[in-house]
C-alpha atoms as a PDB file:
ATOM      1  CA  MET A   1     -33.123  -9.144  34.068  1.00  0.00           C
ATOM      2  CA  ARG A   2     -31.778  -8.058  30.715  1.00  0.00           C
ATOM      3  CA  ARG A   3     -30.135  -4.751  29.929  1.00  0.00           C
ATOM      4  CA  ILE A   4     -31.945  -4.446  26.588  1.00  0.00           C
ATOM      5  CA  LYS A   5     -35.565  -5.476  26.105  1.00  0.00           C
ATOM      6  CA  LYS A   6     -38.095  -5.576  23.287  1.00  0.00           C
ATOM      7  CA  GLY A   7     -39.404  -2.074  22.555  1.00  0.00           C
ATOM      8  CA  ASP A   8     -36.270  -0.235  23.760  1.00  0.00           C
ATOM      9  CA  GLN A   9     -34.644   2.484  21.642  1.00  0.00           C
ATOM     10  CA  VAL A  10     -31.011   1.533  20.894  1.00  0.00           C
ATOM     11  CA  GLU A  11     -28.081   2.998  18.961  1.00  0.00           C
ATOM     12  CA  VAL A  12     -25.568   0.945  16.974  1.00  0.00           C
ATOM     13  CA  ILE A  13     -21.986   1.540  18.197  1.00  0.00           C
ATOM     14  CA  ALA A  14     -20.079  -0.765  15.820  1.00  0.00           C
ATOM     15  CA  GLY A  15     -20.372  -2.131  12.305  1.00  0.00           C
ATOM     16  CA  LYS A  16     -21.715  -0.873   8.989  1.00  0.00           C
ATOM     17  CA  ASP A  17     -24.742   0.827  10.586  1.00  0.00           C
ATOM     18  CA  LEU A  18     -22.692   2.842  13.103  1.00  0.00           C
ATOM     19  CA  GLY A  19     -24.689   5.669  14.698  1.00  0.00           C
ATOM     20  CA  GLU A  20     -28.120   4.529  13.531  1.00  0.00           C
ATOM     21  CA  ARG A  21     -30.997   4.314  16.007  1.00  0.00           C
ATOM     22  CA  GLY A  22     -33.978   2.019  16.023  1.00  0.00           C
ATOM     23  CA  GLU A  23     -36.454   0.125  18.146  1.00  0.00           C
ATOM     24  CA  VAL A  24     -35.726  -3.430  19.295  1.00  0.00           C
ATOM     25  CA  VAL A  25     -38.132  -5.812  17.541  1.00  0.00           C
ATOM     26  CA  SER A  26     -36.972  -8.999  19.268  1.00  0.00           C
ATOM     27  CA  VAL A  27     -34.228 -10.291  21.567  1.00  0.00           C
ATOM     28  CA  LEU A  28     -32.532 -13.639  20.884  1.00  0.00           C
ATOM     29  CA  THR A  29     -31.193 -14.476  24.359  1.00  0.00           C
ATOM     30  CA  LYS A  30     -29.462 -17.763  23.483  1.00  0.00           C
ATOM     31  CA  ASP A  31     -27.467 -16.123  20.680  1.00  0.00           C
ATOM     32  CA  ASN A  32     -26.912 -12.773  22.499  1.00  0.00           C
ATOM     33  CA  ARG A  33     -28.401 -10.915  19.541  1.00  0.00           C
ATOM     34  CA  VAL A  34     -31.149  -8.366  18.928  1.00  0.00           C
ATOM     35  CA  VAL A  35     -33.216  -7.496  15.873  1.00  0.00           C
ATOM     36  CA  VAL A  36     -33.495  -3.716  15.433  1.00  0.00           C
ATOM     37  CA  ALA A  37     -36.013  -2.137  13.049  1.00  0.00           C
ATOM     38  CA  GLY A  38     -34.320  -0.512  10.036  1.00  0.00           C
ATOM     39  CA  VAL A  39     -30.801  -1.609  11.030  1.00  0.00           C
ATOM     40  CA  ASN A  40     -28.668  -4.372   9.445  1.00  0.00           C
ATOM     41  CA  VAL A  41     -31.078  -4.865   6.542  1.00  0.00           C
ATOM     42  CA  ALA A  42     -30.205  -7.957   4.505  1.00  0.00           C
ATOM     43  CA  LYS A  43     -31.565  -9.365   1.239  1.00  0.00           C
ATOM     44  CA  LYS A  44     -32.618 -12.937   0.605  1.00  0.00           C
ATOM     45  CA  HIS A  45     -33.349 -14.449  -2.808  1.00  0.00           C
ATOM     46  CA  GLU A  46     -36.386 -16.736  -2.754  1.00  0.00           C
ATOM     47  CA  LYS A  47     -37.308 -19.322  -5.344  1.00  0.00           C
ATOM     48  CA  ALA A  48     -40.700 -19.464  -7.035  1.00  0.00           C
ATOM     49  CA  LYS A  49     -43.220 -21.526  -5.035  1.00  0.00           C
ATOM     50  CA  GLN A  50     -46.478 -23.297  -5.641  1.00  0.00           C
ATOM     51  CA  ALA A  51     -48.959 -22.495  -2.841  1.00  0.00           C
ATOM     52  CA  GLY A  52     -52.124 -24.476  -3.523  1.00  0.00           C
ATOM     53  CA  ASN A  53     -53.591 -23.269  -6.821  1.00  0.00           C
ATOM     54  CA  ARG A  54     -51.569 -20.053  -7.040  1.00  0.00           C
ATOM     55  CA  GLN A  55     -47.987 -19.508  -8.124  1.00  0.00           C
ATOM     56  CA  ILE A  56     -45.719 -17.220  -6.063  1.00  0.00           C
ATOM     57  CA  PRO A  57     -42.978 -15.756  -8.293  1.00  0.00           C
ATOM     58  CA  ALA A  58     -39.294 -15.627  -7.432  1.00  0.00           C
ATOM     59  CA  GLN A  59     -38.403 -12.484  -5.504  1.00  0.00           C
ATOM     60  CA  ILE A  60     -35.784 -10.665  -3.446  1.00  0.00           C
ATOM     61  CA  VAL A  61     -36.941 -10.143   0.151  1.00  0.00           C
ATOM     62  CA  GLU A  62     -35.421  -7.581   2.516  1.00  0.00           C
ATOM     63  CA  PHE A  63     -35.410  -8.337   6.259  1.00  0.00           C
ATOM     64  CA  ASN A  64     -33.790  -7.058   9.469  1.00  0.00           C
ATOM     65  CA  ALA A  65     -30.954  -9.426  10.368  1.00  0.00           C
ATOM     66  CA  PRO A  66     -29.906  -9.869  14.032  1.00  0.00           C
ATOM     67  CA  ILE A  67     -27.014  -7.832  15.422  1.00  0.00           C
ATOM     68  CA  HIS A  68     -24.857  -8.766  18.413  1.00  0.00           C
ATOM     69  CA  LEU A  69     -25.781  -7.260  21.780  1.00  0.00           C
ATOM     70  CA  SER A  70     -22.275  -5.853  22.270  1.00  0.00           C
ATOM     71  CA  ASN A  71     -22.737  -3.667  19.179  1.00  0.00           C
ATOM     72  CA  VAL A  72     -25.744  -1.738  20.529  1.00  0.00           C
ATOM     73  CA  MET A  73     -26.317   0.599  23.481  1.00  0.00           C
ATOM     74  CA  LEU A  74     -29.554   1.676  25.095  1.00  0.00           C
ATOM     75  CA  VAL A  75     -30.748   5.238  24.428  1.00  0.00           C
ATOM     76  CA  CYS A  76     -32.028   6.870  27.629  1.00  0.00           C
ATOM     77  CA  PRO A  77     -35.574   8.201  27.172  1.00  0.00           C
ATOM     78  CA  LYS A  78     -34.874  11.167  29.480  1.00  0.00           C
ATOM     79  CA  CYS A  79     -31.456  12.462  28.362  1.00  0.00           C
ATOM     80  CA  ASP A  80     -31.659  11.050  24.767  1.00  0.00           C
ATOM     81  CA  LYS A  81     -28.044   9.794  24.840  1.00  0.00           C
ATOM     82  CA  ARG A  82     -26.632   6.301  24.486  1.00  0.00           C
ATOM     83  CA  VAL A  83     -25.880   5.155  28.013  1.00  0.00           C
ATOM     84  CA  ARG A  84     -24.752   2.296  30.179  1.00  0.00           C
ATOM     85  CA  VAL A  85     -27.475   0.544  32.118  1.00  0.00           C
ATOM     86  CA  GLY A  86     -27.385  -0.196  35.826  1.00  0.00           C
ATOM     87  CA  PHE A  87     -29.741  -2.088  38.106  1.00  0.00           C
ATOM     88  CA  ARG A  88     -31.176  -1.141  41.477  1.00  0.00           C
ATOM     89  CA  PHE A  89     -34.060  -2.090  43.724  1.00  0.00           C
ATOM     90  CA  THR A  90     -36.988   0.215  44.462  1.00  0.00           C
ATOM     91  CA  ASP A  91     -38.476   0.678  47.925  1.00  0.00           C
ATOM     92  CA  ASP A  92     -41.112  -1.982  47.260  1.00  0.00           C
ATOM     93  CA  GLY A  93     -38.442  -4.538  46.238  1.00  0.00           C
ATOM     94  CA  HIS A  94     -38.724  -4.443  42.425  1.00  0.00           C
ATOM     95  CA  LYS A  95     -35.554  -4.545  40.348  1.00  0.00           C
ATOM     96  CA  VAL A  96     -35.415  -1.721  37.768  1.00  0.00           C
ATOM     97  CA  ARG A  97     -32.966  -0.508  35.133  1.00  0.00           C
ATOM     98  CA  TYR A  98     -31.526   2.998  35.382  1.00  0.00           C
ATOM     99  CA  CYS A  99     -29.420   5.348  33.278  1.00  0.00           C
ATOM    100  CA  LYS A 100     -25.920   5.732  34.707  1.00  0.00           C
ATOM    101  CA  GLN A 101     -25.540   9.276  33.282  1.00  0.00           C
ATOM    102  CA  CYS A 102     -28.723  11.039  34.404  1.00  0.00           C
ATOM    103  CA  ASP A 103     -29.674   8.546  37.158  1.00  0.00           C
ATOM    104  CA  ALA A 104     -33.270   8.207  35.831  1.00  0.00           C
ATOM    105  CA  ASN A 105     -35.200   4.946  35.830  1.00  0.00           C
ATOM    106  CA  VAL A 106     -35.549   3.420  32.363  1.00  0.00           C
ATOM    107  CA  ASP A 107     -38.458   1.108  33.241  1.00  0.00           C
END
């Protein structure tokens, strides 16, 4: 089970976007990176293309670049603070994440 999942609210704790919050759009598990909406926005220059009968002009495209997992922390939905995540088992045997500050289940 992962500490950070798609759809979680996270806060950046290192880098140029320090202190910014956003929702996780995707998790790249092999690279240990996450893509967060509105954080680490990069620009890419694209050449003009021919798509069938229509011409697509050259443009500058902005996109959310991945950020390393160690540079983000989960924001607890209950206490609204950036927190460490722990794991525990419920009575019916399911593994869940919990906030180590307020002891509330995140899942």
